Amino acid sequence: MVTMLLELVIVIVIAYKWLHDHLVVYLVNFAKGFELAIIIIIVISFLLFNLFLTIRYLRKLPKYYVIEILDTYGNKTAVEGLRLIFATYDAAESYARFYQDIYKDQYKFRVSCIKE
């Protein structure tokens, strides 16, 4: 019984070594050839995902920013000669601060967006 078990273990060890030497080694060497391709695929997919997120974010941005003018009582009013529609928030905010410096307490200026 012991000899039969020993013979079975020897057969399993020989089969394992043969599979390792003739199959596993070649599969590992074959996979090593694709390391660069795998890295390139991962980098390209990362860049495409970032592009998708950027495009989705840009679609949510409003098309225009408008400066609303409020008088001392809080009513909306219009002052002739002022630029009120802007493409970027930074420009609209800068102009609103500029107009606030010019008109001081007479008017209040705030920026709002138009998503059309």
PDB file of N, CA and C in Angstrom:
ATOM      1  N   MET A   1       0.823  -1.183   0.000  1.00  0.00           N
ATOM      2  CA  MET A   1       0.000   0.000   0.000  1.00  0.00           C
ATOM      3  C   MET A   1       0.875   1.257   0.000  1.00  0.00           C
ATOM      4  N   VAL A   2       1.898   1.244   0.840  1.00  0.00           N
ATOM      5  CA  VAL A   2       2.797   2.391   0.933  1.00  0.00           C
ATOM      6  C   VAL A   2       3.560   2.568  -0.372  1.00  0.00           C
ATOM      7  N   THR A   3       3.994   1.487  -0.979  1.00  0.00           N
ATOM      8  CA  THR A   3       4.734   1.597  -2.235  1.00  0.00           C
ATOM      9  C   THR A   3       3.838   2.124  -3.361  1.00  0.00           C
ATOM     10  N   MET A   4       2.577   1.727  -3.338  1.00  0.00           N
ATOM     11  CA  MET A   4       1.660   2.197  -4.352  1.00  0.00           C
ATOM     12  C   MET A   4       1.396   3.708  -4.194  1.00  0.00           C
ATOM     13  N   LEU A   5       1.290   4.155  -2.957  1.00  0.00           N
ATOM     14  CA  LEU A   5       1.108   5.576  -2.679  1.00  0.00           C
ATOM     15  C   LEU A   5       2.356   6.355  -3.073  1.00  0.00           C
ATOM     16  N   LEU A   6       3.517   5.793  -2.798  1.00  0.00           N
ATOM     17  CA  LEU A   6       4.782   6.425  -3.167  1.00  0.00           C
ATOM     18  C   LEU A   6       4.909   6.536  -4.679  1.00  0.00           C
ATOM     19  N   GLU A   7       4.508   5.473  -5.403  1.00  0.00           N
ATOM     20  CA  GLU A   7       4.552   5.500  -6.867  1.00  0.00           C
ATOM     21  C   GLU A   7       3.599   6.562  -7.421  1.00  0.00           C
ATOM     22  N   LEU A   8       2.429   6.738  -6.811  1.00  0.00           N
ATOM     23  CA  LEU A   8       1.472   7.756  -7.241  1.00  0.00           C
ATOM     24  C   LEU A   8       2.033   9.158  -7.041  1.00  0.00           C
ATOM     25  N   VAL A   9       2.704   9.376  -5.919  1.00  0.00           N
ATOM     26  CA  VAL A   9       3.319  10.675  -5.653  1.00  0.00           C
ATOM     27  C   VAL A   9       4.419  10.947  -6.664  1.00  0.00           C
ATOM     28  N   ILE A  10       5.210   9.960  -6.993  1.00  0.00           N
ATOM     29  CA  ILE A  10       6.294  10.130  -7.964  1.00  0.00           C
ATOM     30  C   ILE A  10       5.710  10.472  -9.342  1.00  0.00           C
ATOM     31  N   VAL A  11       4.617   9.819  -9.730  1.00  0.00           N
ATOM     32  CA  VAL A  11       3.979  10.095 -11.018  1.00  0.00           C
ATOM     33  C   VAL A  11       3.449  11.540 -11.043  1.00  0.00           C
ATOM     34  N   ILE A  12       2.843  11.979  -9.945  1.00  0.00           N
ATOM     35  CA  ILE A  12       2.314  13.347  -9.871  1.00  0.00           C
ATOM     36  C   ILE A  12       3.443  14.360  -9.952  1.00  0.00           C
ATOM     37  N   VAL A  13       4.563  14.091  -9.265  1.00  0.00           N
ATOM     38  CA  VAL A  13       5.702  15.006  -9.295  1.00  0.00           C
ATOM     39  C   VAL A  13       6.284  15.084 -10.697  1.00  0.00           C
ATOM     40  N   ILE A  14       6.410  13.964 -11.374  1.00  0.00           N
ATOM     41  CA  ILE A  14       6.953  13.955 -12.735  1.00  0.00           C
ATOM     42  C   ILE A  14       6.018  14.715 -13.682  1.00  0.00           C
ATOM     43  N   ALA A  15       4.709  14.500 -13.542  1.00  0.00           N
ATOM     44  CA  ALA A  15       3.737  15.203 -14.397  1.00  0.00           C
ATOM     45  C   ALA A  15       3.785  16.710 -14.127  1.00  0.00           C
ATOM     46  N   TYR A  16       3.899  17.096 -12.870  1.00  0.00           N
ATOM     47  CA  TYR A  16       3.982  18.514 -12.518  1.00  0.00           C
ATOM     48  C   TYR A  16       5.220  19.154 -13.127  1.00  0.00           C
ATOM     49  N   LYS A  17       6.377  18.481 -12.999  1.00  0.00           N
ATOM     50  CA  LYS A  17       7.611  19.036 -13.557  1.00  0.00           C
ATOM     51  C   LYS A  17       7.530  19.140 -15.082  1.00  0.00           C
ATOM     52  N   TRP A  18       6.941  18.108 -15.734  1.00  0.00           N
ATOM     53  CA  TRP A  18       6.833  18.147 -17.181  1.00  0.00           C
ATOM     54  C   TRP A  18       5.924  19.298 -17.616  1.00  0.00           C
ATOM     55  N   LEU A  19       4.772  19.471 -16.949  1.00  0.00           N
ATOM     56  CA  LEU A  19       3.864  20.567 -17.290  1.00  0.00           C
ATOM     57  C   LEU A  19       4.525  21.922 -17.058  1.00  0.00           C
ATOM     58  N   HIS A  20       5.251  22.032 -15.962  1.00  0.00           N
ATOM     59  CA  HIS A  20       5.925  23.285 -15.656  1.00  0.00           C
ATOM     60  C   HIS A  20       6.991  23.597 -16.697  1.00  0.00           C
ATOM     61  N   ASP A  21       7.774  22.606 -17.058  1.00  0.00           N
ATOM     62  CA  ASP A  21       8.875  22.831 -17.999  1.00  0.00           C
ATOM     63  C   ASP A  21       8.386  23.049 -19.430  1.00  0.00           C
ATOM     64  N   HIS A  22       7.303  22.427 -19.835  1.00  0.00           N
ATOM     65  CA  HIS A  22       6.892  22.483 -21.224  1.00  0.00           C
ATOM     66  C   HIS A  22       5.645  23.339 -21.491  1.00  0.00           C
ATOM     67  N   LEU A  23       4.908  23.676 -20.492  1.00  0.00           N
ATOM     68  CA  LEU A  23       3.686  24.443 -20.733  1.00  0.00           C
ATOM     69  C   LEU A  23       3.700  25.791 -20.026  1.00  0.00           C
ATOM     70  N   VAL A  24       3.921  25.796 -18.736  1.00  0.00           N
ATOM     71  CA  VAL A  24       3.838  27.021 -17.948  1.00  0.00           C
ATOM     72  C   VAL A  24       4.926  28.010 -18.357  1.00  0.00           C
ATOM     73  N   VAL A  25       6.127  27.540 -18.551  1.00  0.00           N
ATOM     74  CA  VAL A  25       7.230  28.432 -18.911  1.00  0.00           C
ATOM     75  C   VAL A  25       6.950  29.124 -20.239  1.00  0.00           C
ATOM     76  N   TYR A  26       6.430  28.380 -21.212  1.00  0.00           N
ATOM     77  CA  TYR A  26       6.139  28.980 -22.513  1.00  0.00           C
ATOM     78  C   TYR A  26       4.980  29.970 -22.427  1.00  0.00           C
ATOM     79  N   LEU A  27       3.980  29.674 -21.625  1.00  0.00           N
ATOM     80  CA  LEU A  27       2.867  30.611 -21.455  1.00  0.00           C
ATOM     81  C   LEU A  27       3.328  31.904 -20.788  1.00  0.00           C
ATOM     82  N   VAL A  28       4.192  31.791 -19.792  1.00  0.00           N
ATOM     83  CA  VAL A  28       4.704  32.985 -19.110  1.00  0.00           C
ATOM     84  C   VAL A  28       5.561  33.814 -20.065  1.00  0.00           C
ATOM     85  N   ASN A  29       6.421  33.164 -20.837  1.00  0.00           N
ATOM     86  CA  ASN A  29       7.240  33.898 -21.815  1.00  0.00           C
ATOM     87  C   ASN A  29       6.375  34.549 -22.891  1.00  0.00           C
ATOM     88  N   PHE A  30       5.311  33.884 -23.304  1.00  0.00           N
ATOM     89  CA  PHE A  30       4.380  34.454 -24.282  1.00  0.00           C
ATOM     90  C   PHE A  30       3.687  35.687 -23.699  1.00  0.00           C
ATOM     91  N   ALA A  31       3.286  35.636 -22.446  1.00  0.00           N
ATOM     92  CA  ALA A  31       2.612  36.772 -21.807  1.00  0.00           C
ATOM     93  C   ALA A  31       3.573  37.945 -21.612  1.00  0.00           C
ATOM     94  N   LYS A  32       4.851  37.670 -21.383  1.00  0.00           N
ATOM     95  CA  LYS A  32       5.830  38.753 -21.219  1.00  0.00           C
ATOM     96  C   LYS A  32       5.950  39.596 -22.479  1.00  0.00           C
ATOM     97  N   GLY A  33       5.714  39.003 -23.621  1.00  0.00           N
ATOM     98  CA  GLY A  33       5.775  39.730 -24.880  1.00  0.00           C
ATOM     99  C   GLY A  33       4.677  40.779 -24.995  1.00  0.00           C
ATOM    100  N   PHE A  34       3.611  40.646 -24.235  1.00  0.00           N
ATOM    101  CA  PHE A  34       2.487  41.579 -24.294  1.00  0.00           C
ATOM    102  C   PHE A  34       2.485  42.603 -23.173  1.00  0.00           C
ATOM    103  N   GLU A  35       3.567  42.684 -22.413  1.00  0.00           N
ATOM    104  CA  GLU A  35       3.617  43.659 -21.311  1.00  0.00           C
ATOM    105  C   GLU A  35       3.437  45.079 -21.834  1.00  0.00           C
ATOM    106  N   LEU A  36       4.168  45.435 -22.857  1.00  0.00           N
ATOM    107  CA  LEU A  36       4.097  46.783 -23.414  1.00  0.00           C
ATOM    108  C   LEU A  36       2.713  47.051 -23.994  1.00  0.00           C
ATOM    109  N   ALA A  37       2.147  46.072 -24.668  1.00  0.00           N
ATOM    110  CA  ALA A  37       0.809  46.255 -25.246  1.00  0.00           C
ATOM    111  C   ALA A  37      -0.235  46.465 -24.149  1.00  0.00           C
ATOM    112  N   ILE A  38      -0.139  45.732 -23.066  1.00  0.00           N
ATOM    113  CA  ILE A  38      -1.077  45.881 -21.958  1.00  0.00           C
ATOM    114  C   ILE A  38      -0.949  47.263 -21.333  1.00  0.00           C
ATOM    115  N   ILE A  39       0.280  47.727 -21.147  1.00  0.00           N
ATOM    116  CA  ILE A  39       0.506  49.057 -20.565  1.00  0.00           C
ATOM    117  C   ILE A  39      -0.051  50.139 -21.491  1.00  0.00           C
ATOM    118  N   ILE A  40       0.173  50.010 -22.786  1.00  0.00           N
ATOM    119  CA  ILE A  40      -0.332  50.993 -23.743  1.00  0.00           C
ATOM    120  C   ILE A  40      -1.855  51.000 -23.752  1.00  0.00           C
ATOM    121  N   ILE A  41      -2.474  49.837 -23.697  1.00  0.00           N
ATOM    122  CA  ILE A  41      -3.940  49.760 -23.663  1.00  0.00           C
ATOM    123  C   ILE A  41      -4.488  50.423 -22.403  1.00  0.00           C
ATOM    124  N   ILE A  42      -3.844  50.218 -21.280  1.00  0.00           N
ATOM    125  CA  ILE A  42      -4.291  50.839 -20.025  1.00  0.00           C
ATOM    126  C   ILE A  42      -4.159  52.359 -20.105  1.00  0.00           C
ATOM    127  N   VAL A  43      -3.043  52.862 -20.632  1.00  0.00           N
ATOM    128  CA  VAL A  43      -2.840  54.306 -20.740  1.00  0.00           C
ATOM    129  C   VAL A  43      -3.865  54.929 -21.688  1.00  0.00           C
ATOM    130  N   ILE A  44      -4.106  54.293 -22.827  1.00  0.00           N
ATOM    131  CA  ILE A  44      -5.080  54.824 -23.788  1.00  0.00           C
ATOM    132  C   ILE A  44      -6.480  54.824 -23.190  1.00  0.00           C
ATOM    133  N   SER A  45      -6.848  53.761 -22.480  1.00  0.00           N
ATOM    134  CA  SER A  45      -8.177  53.734 -21.866  1.00  0.00           C
ATOM    135  C   SER A  45      -8.300  54.804 -20.788  1.00  0.00           C
ATOM    136  N   PHE A  46      -7.237  55.061 -20.038  1.00  0.00           N
ATOM    137  CA  PHE A  46      -7.254  56.124 -19.033  1.00  0.00           C
ATOM    138  C   PHE A  46      -7.454  57.493 -19.685  1.00  0.00           C
ATOM    139  N   LEU A  47      -6.739  57.751 -20.772  1.00  0.00           N
ATOM    140  CA  LEU A  47      -6.882  59.022 -21.474  1.00  0.00           C
ATOM    141  C   LEU A  47      -8.275  59.185 -22.080  1.00  0.00           C
ATOM    142  N   LEU A  48      -8.830  58.120 -22.640  1.00  0.00           N
ATOM    143  CA  LEU A  48     -10.177  58.199 -23.194  1.00  0.00           C
ATOM    144  C   LEU A  48     -11.224  58.454 -22.109  1.00  0.00           C
ATOM    145  N   PHE A  49     -11.035  57.843 -20.951  1.00  0.00           N
ATOM    146  CA  PHE A  49     -11.953  58.072 -19.833  1.00  0.00           C
ATOM    147  C   PHE A  49     -11.885  59.526 -19.375  1.00  0.00           C
ATOM    148  N   ASN A  50     -10.667  60.087 -19.290  1.00  0.00           N
ATOM    149  CA  ASN A  50     -10.530  61.496 -18.915  1.00  0.00           C
ATOM    150  C   ASN A  50     -11.167  62.411 -19.960  1.00  0.00           C
ATOM    151  N   LEU A  51     -11.023  62.079 -21.225  1.00  0.00           N
ATOM    152  CA  LEU A  51     -11.647  62.851 -22.282  1.00  0.00           C
ATOM    153  C   LEU A  51     -13.170  62.810 -22.163  1.00  0.00           C
ATOM    154  N   PHE A  52     -13.710  61.646 -21.870  1.00  0.00           N
ATOM    155  CA  PHE A  52     -15.154  61.505 -21.675  1.00  0.00           C
ATOM    156  C   PHE A  52     -15.637  62.363 -20.510  1.00  0.00           C
ATOM    157  N   LEU A  53     -14.909  62.338 -19.395  1.00  0.00           N
ATOM    158  CA  LEU A  53     -15.308  63.149 -18.237  1.00  0.00           C
ATOM    159  C   LEU A  53     -15.225  64.645 -18.548  1.00  0.00           C
ATOM    160  N   THR A  54     -14.207  65.059 -19.282  1.00  0.00           N
ATOM    161  CA  THR A  54     -14.062  66.468 -19.636  1.00  0.00           C
ATOM    162  C   THR A  54     -15.191  66.933 -20.545  1.00  0.00           C
ATOM    163  N   ILE A  55     -15.530  66.135 -21.530  1.00  0.00           N
ATOM    164  CA  ILE A  55     -16.620  66.499 -22.440  1.00  0.00           C
ATOM    165  C   ILE A  55     -17.941  66.559 -21.693  1.00  0.00           C
ATOM    166  N   ARG A  56     -18.173  65.625 -20.787  1.00  0.00           N
ATOM    167  CA  ARG A  56     -19.407  65.640 -20.001  1.00  0.00           C
ATOM    168  C   ARG A  56     -19.470  66.879 -19.111  1.00  0.00           C
ATOM    169  N   TYR A  57     -18.329  67.276 -18.543  1.00  0.00           N
ATOM    170  CA  TYR A  57     -18.281  68.478 -17.705  1.00  0.00           C
ATOM    171  C   TYR A  57     -18.538  69.732 -18.538  1.00  0.00           C
ATOM    172  N   LEU A  58     -17.953  69.790 -19.732  1.00  0.00           N
ATOM    173  CA  LEU A  58     -18.123  70.973 -20.577  1.00  0.00           C
ATOM    174  C   LEU A  58     -19.563  71.117 -21.075  1.00  0.00           C
ATOM    175  N   ARG A  59     -20.267  70.024 -21.244  1.00  0.00           N
ATOM    176  CA  ARG A  59     -21.663  70.110 -21.663  1.00  0.00           C
ATOM    177  C   ARG A  59     -22.541  70.706 -20.569  1.00  0.00           C
ATOM    178  N   LYS A  60     -22.149  70.545 -19.325  1.00  0.00           N
ATOM    179  CA  LYS A  60     -22.934  71.070 -18.215  1.00  0.00           C
ATOM    180  C   LYS A  60     -22.702  72.556 -17.990  1.00  0.00           C
ATOM    181  N   LEU A  61     -21.622  73.105 -18.536  1.00  0.00           N
ATOM    182  CA  LEU A  61     -21.336  74.523 -18.333  1.00  0.00           C
ATOM    183  C   LEU A  61     -22.363  75.381 -19.073  1.00  0.00           C
ATOM    184  N   PRO A  62     -22.725  76.528 -18.499  1.00  0.00           N
ATOM    185  CA  PRO A  62     -23.656  77.419 -19.189  1.00  0.00           C
ATOM    186  C   PRO A  62     -23.005  78.061 -20.406  1.00  0.00           C
ATOM    187  N   LYS A  63     -23.835  78.437 -21.365  1.00  0.00           N
ATOM    188  CA  LYS A  63     -23.311  79.065 -22.580  1.00  0.00           C
ATOM    189  C   LYS A  63     -22.888  80.501 -22.326  1.00  0.00           C
ATOM    190  N   TYR A  64     -23.652  81.207 -21.486  1.00  0.00           N
ATOM    191  CA  TYR A  64     -23.372  82.615 -21.235  1.00  0.00           C
ATOM    192  C   TYR A  64     -23.510  82.930 -19.751  1.00  0.00           C
ATOM    193  N   TYR A  65     -22.802  83.967 -19.357  1.00  0.00           N
ATOM    194  CA  TYR A  65     -22.939  84.525 -18.015  1.00  0.00           C
ATOM    195  C   TYR A  65     -23.418  85.961 -18.157  1.00  0.00           C
ATOM    196  N   VAL A  66     -24.394  86.340 -17.333  1.00  0.00           N
ATOM    197  CA  VAL A  66     -25.013  87.656 -17.435  1.00  0.00           C
ATOM    198  C   VAL A  66     -24.826  88.391 -16.114  1.00  0.00           C
ATOM    199  N   ILE A  67     -24.528  89.672 -16.210  1.00  0.00           N
ATOM    200  CA  ILE A  67     -24.451  90.513 -15.012  1.00  0.00           C
ATOM    201  C   ILE A  67     -25.830  91.130 -14.795  1.00  0.00           C
ATOM    202  N   GLU A  68     -26.399  90.848 -13.638  1.00  0.00           N
ATOM    203  CA  GLU A  68     -27.685  91.454 -13.272  1.00  0.00           C
ATOM    204  C   GLU A  68     -27.406  92.687 -12.428  1.00  0.00           C
ATOM    205  N   ILE A  69     -28.151  93.742 -12.708  1.00  0.00           N
ATOM    206  CA  ILE A  69     -27.955  95.014 -12.008  1.00  0.00           C
ATOM    207  C   ILE A  69     -29.153  95.248 -11.091  1.00  0.00           C
ATOM    208  N   LEU A  70     -28.886  95.479  -9.820  1.00  0.00           N
ATOM    209  CA  LEU A  70     -29.932  95.749  -8.841  1.00  0.00           C
ATOM    210  C   LEU A  70     -29.737  97.154  -8.284  1.00  0.00           C
ATOM    211  N   ASP A  71     -30.838  97.891  -8.160  1.00  0.00           N
ATOM    212  CA  ASP A  71     -30.725  99.228  -7.572  1.00  0.00           C
ATOM    213  C   ASP A  71     -30.711  99.115  -6.049  1.00  0.00           C
ATOM    214  N   THR A  72     -30.752 100.243  -5.366  1.00  0.00           N
ATOM    215  CA  THR A  72     -30.642 100.236  -3.898  1.00  0.00           C
ATOM    216  C   THR A  72     -31.828  99.553  -3.229  1.00  0.00           C
ATOM    217  N   TYR A  73     -32.960  99.421  -3.923  1.00  0.00           N
ATOM    218  CA  TYR A  73     -34.144  98.774  -3.354  1.00  0.00           C
ATOM    219  C   TYR A  73     -34.227  97.295  -3.707  1.00  0.00           C
ATOM    220  N   GLY A  74     -33.303  96.810  -4.493  1.00  0.00           N
ATOM    221  CA  GLY A  74     -33.282  95.399  -4.864  1.00  0.00           C
ATOM    222  C   GLY A  74     -34.025  95.084  -6.144  1.00  0.00           C
ATOM    223  N   ASN A  75     -34.474  96.091  -6.879  1.00  0.00           N
ATOM    224  CA  ASN A  75     -35.179  95.873  -8.147  1.00  0.00           C
ATOM    225  C   ASN A  75     -34.173  95.779  -9.289  1.00  0.00           C
ATOM    226  N   LYS A  76     -34.487  94.900 -10.245  1.00  0.00           N
ATOM    227  CA  LYS A  76     -33.619  94.789 -11.415  1.00  0.00           C
ATOM    228  C   LYS A  76     -33.770  96.032 -12.264  1.00  0.00           C
ATOM    229  N   THR A  77     -32.647  96.506 -12.759  1.00  0.00           N
ATOM    230  CA  THR A  77     -32.648  97.706 -13.592  1.00  0.00           C
ATOM    231  C   THR A  77     -31.632  97.536 -14.710  1.00  0.00           C
ATOM    232  N   ALA A  78     -31.612  98.453 -15.645  1.00  0.00           N
ATOM    233  CA  ALA A  78     -30.664  98.416 -16.764  1.00  0.00           C
ATOM    234  C   ALA A  78     -29.927  99.747 -16.826  1.00  0.00           C
ATOM    235  N   VAL A  79     -28.637  99.669 -17.029  1.00  0.00           N
ATOM    236  CA  VAL A  79     -27.801 100.859 -17.186  1.00  0.00           C
ATOM    237  C   VAL A  79     -27.231 100.802 -18.597  1.00  0.00           C
ATOM    238  N   GLU A  80     -27.434 101.829 -19.367  1.00  0.00           N
ATOM    239  CA  GLU A  80     -26.967 101.835 -20.752  1.00  0.00           C
ATOM    240  C   GLU A  80     -25.448 101.952 -20.814  1.00  0.00           C
ATOM    241  N   GLY A  81     -24.884 101.295 -21.810  1.00  0.00           N
ATOM    242  CA  GLY A  81     -23.457 101.412 -22.053  1.00  0.00           C
ATOM    243  C   GLY A  81     -22.615 100.382 -21.321  1.00  0.00           C
ATOM    244  N   LEU A  82     -23.246  99.478 -20.554  1.00  0.00           N
ATOM    245  CA  LEU A  82     -22.480  98.449 -19.836  1.00  0.00           C
ATOM    246  C   LEU A  82     -22.571  97.125 -20.573  1.00  0.00           C
ATOM    247  N   ARG A  83     -21.469  96.448 -20.632  1.00  0.00           N
ATOM    248  CA  ARG A  83     -21.457  95.118 -21.223  1.00  0.00           C
ATOM    249  C   ARG A  83     -22.004  94.151 -20.183  1.00  0.00           C
ATOM    250  N   LEU A  84     -22.987  93.328 -20.560  1.00  0.00           N
ATOM    251  CA  LEU A  84     -23.660  92.472 -19.587  1.00  0.00           C
ATOM    252  C   LEU A  84     -23.559  90.982 -19.888  1.00  0.00           C
ATOM    253  N   ILE A  85     -23.240  90.583 -21.100  1.00  0.00           N
ATOM    254  CA  ILE A  85     -23.204  89.163 -21.475  1.00  0.00           C
ATOM    255  C   ILE A  85     -21.757  88.754 -21.731  1.00  0.00           C
ATOM    256  N   PHE A  86     -21.339  87.618 -21.102  1.00  0.00           N
ATOM    257  CA  PHE A  86     -19.958  87.144 -21.194  1.00  0.00           C
ATOM    258  C   PHE A  86     -19.938  85.644 -21.437  1.00  0.00           C
ATOM    259  N   ALA A  87     -18.862  85.168 -22.040  1.00  0.00           N
ATOM    260  CA  ALA A  87     -18.718  83.740 -22.321  1.00  0.00           C
ATOM    261  C   ALA A  87     -18.119  82.983 -21.139  1.00  0.00           C
ATOM    262  N   THR A  88     -17.330  83.647 -20.297  1.00  0.00           N
ATOM    263  CA  THR A  88     -16.705  82.963 -19.164  1.00  0.00           C
ATOM    264  C   THR A  88     -17.110  83.623 -17.854  1.00  0.00           C
ATOM    265  N   TYR A  89     -17.106  82.813 -16.812  1.00  0.00           N
ATOM    266  CA  TYR A  89     -17.488  83.316 -15.492  1.00  0.00           C
ATOM    267  C   TYR A  89     -16.462  84.319 -14.971  1.00  0.00           C
ATOM    268  N   ASP A  90     -15.184  84.045 -15.209  1.00  0.00           N
ATOM    269  CA  ASP A  90     -14.130  84.936 -14.707  1.00  0.00           C
ATOM    270  C   ASP A  90     -14.268  86.347 -15.281  1.00  0.00           C
ATOM    271  N   ALA A  91     -14.563  86.447 -16.574  1.00  0.00           N
ATOM    272  CA  ALA A  91     -14.729  87.763 -17.193  1.00  0.00           C
ATOM    273  C   ALA A  91     -15.941  88.483 -16.617  1.00  0.00           C
ATOM    274  N   ALA A  92     -17.041  87.750 -16.454  1.00  0.00           N
ATOM    275  CA  ALA A  92     -18.253  88.369 -15.908  1.00  0.00           C
ATOM    276  C   ALA A  92     -18.023  88.834 -14.480  1.00  0.00           C
ATOM    277  N   GLU A  93     -17.362  88.035 -13.688  1.00  0.00           N
ATOM    278  CA  GLU A  93     -17.084  88.412 -12.295  1.00  0.00           C
ATOM    279  C   GLU A  93     -16.151  89.625 -12.238  1.00  0.00           C
ATOM    280  N   SER A  94     -15.166  89.659 -13.104  1.00  0.00           N
ATOM    281  CA  SER A  94     -14.242  90.785 -13.135  1.00  0.00           C
ATOM    282  C   SER A  94     -14.967  92.083 -13.511  1.00  0.00           C
ATOM    283  N   TYR A  95     -15.808  92.014 -14.532  1.00  0.00           N
ATOM    284  CA  TYR A  95     -16.577  93.197 -14.915  1.00  0.00           C
ATOM    285  C   TYR A  95     -17.543  93.616 -13.812  1.00  0.00           C
ATOM    286  N   ALA A  96     -18.156  92.651 -13.137  1.00  0.00           N
ATOM    287  CA  ALA A  96     -19.087  92.983 -12.051  1.00  0.00           C
ATOM    288  C   ALA A  96     -18.351  93.733 -10.937  1.00  0.00           C
ATOM    289  N   ARG A  97     -17.144  93.281 -10.600  1.00  0.00           N
ATOM    290  CA  ARG A  97     -16.354  93.998  -9.581  1.00  0.00           C
ATOM    291  C   ARG A  97     -15.948  95.393 -10.069  1.00  0.00           C
ATOM    292  N   PHE A  98     -15.599  95.491 -11.356  1.00  0.00           N
ATOM    293  CA  PHE A  98     -15.223  96.779 -11.938  1.00  0.00           C
ATOM    294  C   PHE A  98     -16.398  97.757 -11.887  1.00  0.00           C
ATOM    295  N   TYR A  99     -17.572  97.273 -12.296  1.00  0.00           N
ATOM    296  CA  TYR A  99     -18.765  98.128 -12.257  1.00  0.00           C
ATOM    297  C   TYR A  99     -19.127  98.505 -10.819  1.00  0.00           C
ATOM    298  N   GLN A 100     -18.931  97.581  -9.894  1.00  0.00           N
ATOM    299  CA  GLN A 100     -19.235  97.868  -8.489  1.00  0.00           C
ATOM    300  C   GLN A 100     -18.315  98.974  -7.963  1.00  0.00           C
ATOM    301  N   ASP A 101     -17.059  98.951  -8.385  1.00  0.00           N
ATOM    302  CA  ASP A 101     -16.129 100.013  -7.978  1.00  0.00           C
ATOM    303  C   ASP A 101     -16.543 101.374  -8.563  1.00  0.00           C
ATOM    304  N   ILE A 102     -17.072 101.362  -9.771  1.00  0.00           N
ATOM    305  CA  ILE A 102     -17.466 102.618 -10.412  1.00  0.00           C
ATOM    306  C   ILE A 102     -18.735 103.186  -9.766  1.00  0.00           C
ATOM    307  N   TYR A 103     -19.747 102.342  -9.584  1.00  0.00           N
ATOM    308  CA  TYR A 103     -21.048 102.830  -9.120  1.00  0.00           C
ATOM    309  C   TYR A 103     -21.226 102.766  -7.601  1.00  0.00           C
ATOM    310  N   LYS A 104     -20.276 102.212  -6.889  1.00  0.00           N
ATOM    311  CA  LYS A 104     -20.245 102.133  -5.411  1.00  0.00           C
ATOM    312  C   LYS A 104     -21.598 101.677  -4.833  1.00  0.00           C
ATOM    313  N   ASP A 105     -22.327 102.530  -4.149  1.00  0.00           N
ATOM    314  CA  ASP A 105     -23.554 102.140  -3.453  1.00  0.00           C
ATOM    315  C   ASP A 105     -24.820 102.351  -4.286  1.00  0.00           C
ATOM    316  N   GLN A 106     -24.674 102.912  -5.480  1.00  0.00           N
ATOM    317  CA  GLN A 106     -25.848 103.203  -6.299  1.00  0.00           C
ATOM    318  C   GLN A 106     -26.472 101.923  -6.864  1.00  0.00           C
ATOM    319  N   TYR A 107     -25.638 100.970  -7.299  1.00  0.00           N
ATOM    320  CA  TYR A 107     -26.122  99.712  -7.863  1.00  0.00           C
ATOM    321  C   TYR A 107     -25.331  98.558  -7.256  1.00  0.00           C
ATOM    322  N   LYS A 108     -25.961  97.377  -7.286  1.00  0.00           N
ATOM    323  CA  LYS A 108     -25.256  96.146  -6.928  1.00  0.00           C
ATOM    324  C   LYS A 108     -25.251  95.253  -8.161  1.00  0.00           C
ATOM    325  N   PHE A 109     -24.150  94.571  -8.374  1.00  0.00           N
ATOM    326  CA  PHE A 109     -23.984  93.731  -9.559  1.00  0.00           C
ATOM    327  C   PHE A 109     -23.752  92.296  -9.119  1.00  0.00           C
ATOM    328  N   ARG A 110     -24.446  91.367  -9.780  1.00  0.00           N
ATOM    329  CA  ARG A 110     -24.229  89.950  -9.506  1.00  0.00           C
ATOM    330  C   ARG A 110     -24.227  89.174 -10.816  1.00  0.00           C
ATOM    331  N   VAL A 111     -23.541  88.037 -10.794  1.00  0.00           N
ATOM    332  CA  VAL A 111     -23.386  87.225 -12.009  1.00  0.00           C
ATOM    333  C   VAL A 111     -24.354  86.046 -11.936  1.00  0.00           C
ATOM    334  N   SER A 112     -25.063  85.821 -13.022  1.00  0.00           N
ATOM    335  CA  SER A 112     -25.916  84.636 -13.145  1.00  0.00           C
ATOM    336  C   SER A 112     -25.643  83.988 -14.501  1.00  0.00           C
ATOM    337  N   CYS A 113     -26.132  82.763 -14.690  1.00  0.00           N
ATOM    338  CA  CYS A 113     -25.808  82.033 -15.924  1.00  0.00           C
ATOM    339  C   CYS A 113     -27.062  81.781 -16.762  1.00  0.00           C
ATOM    340  N   ILE A 114     -26.840  81.609 -18.064  1.00  0.00           N
ATOM    341  CA  ILE A 114     -27.892  81.250 -19.012  1.00  0.00           C
ATOM    342  C   ILE A 114     -27.447  79.946 -19.667  1.00  0.00           C
ATOM    343  N   LYS A 115     -28.249  78.880 -19.556  1.00  0.00           N
ATOM    344  CA  LYS A 115     -27.853  77.581 -20.080  1.00  0.00           C
ATOM    345  C   LYS A 115     -28.458  77.267 -21.438  1.00  0.00           C
ATOM    346  N   GLU A 116     -28.885  78.238 -22.196  1.00  0.00           N
ATOM    347  CA  GLU A 116     -29.502  77.993 -23.497  1.00  0.00           C
ATOM    348  C   GLU A 116     -28.498  77.649 -24.535  1.00  0.00           C
TER     349      GLU A 116
END
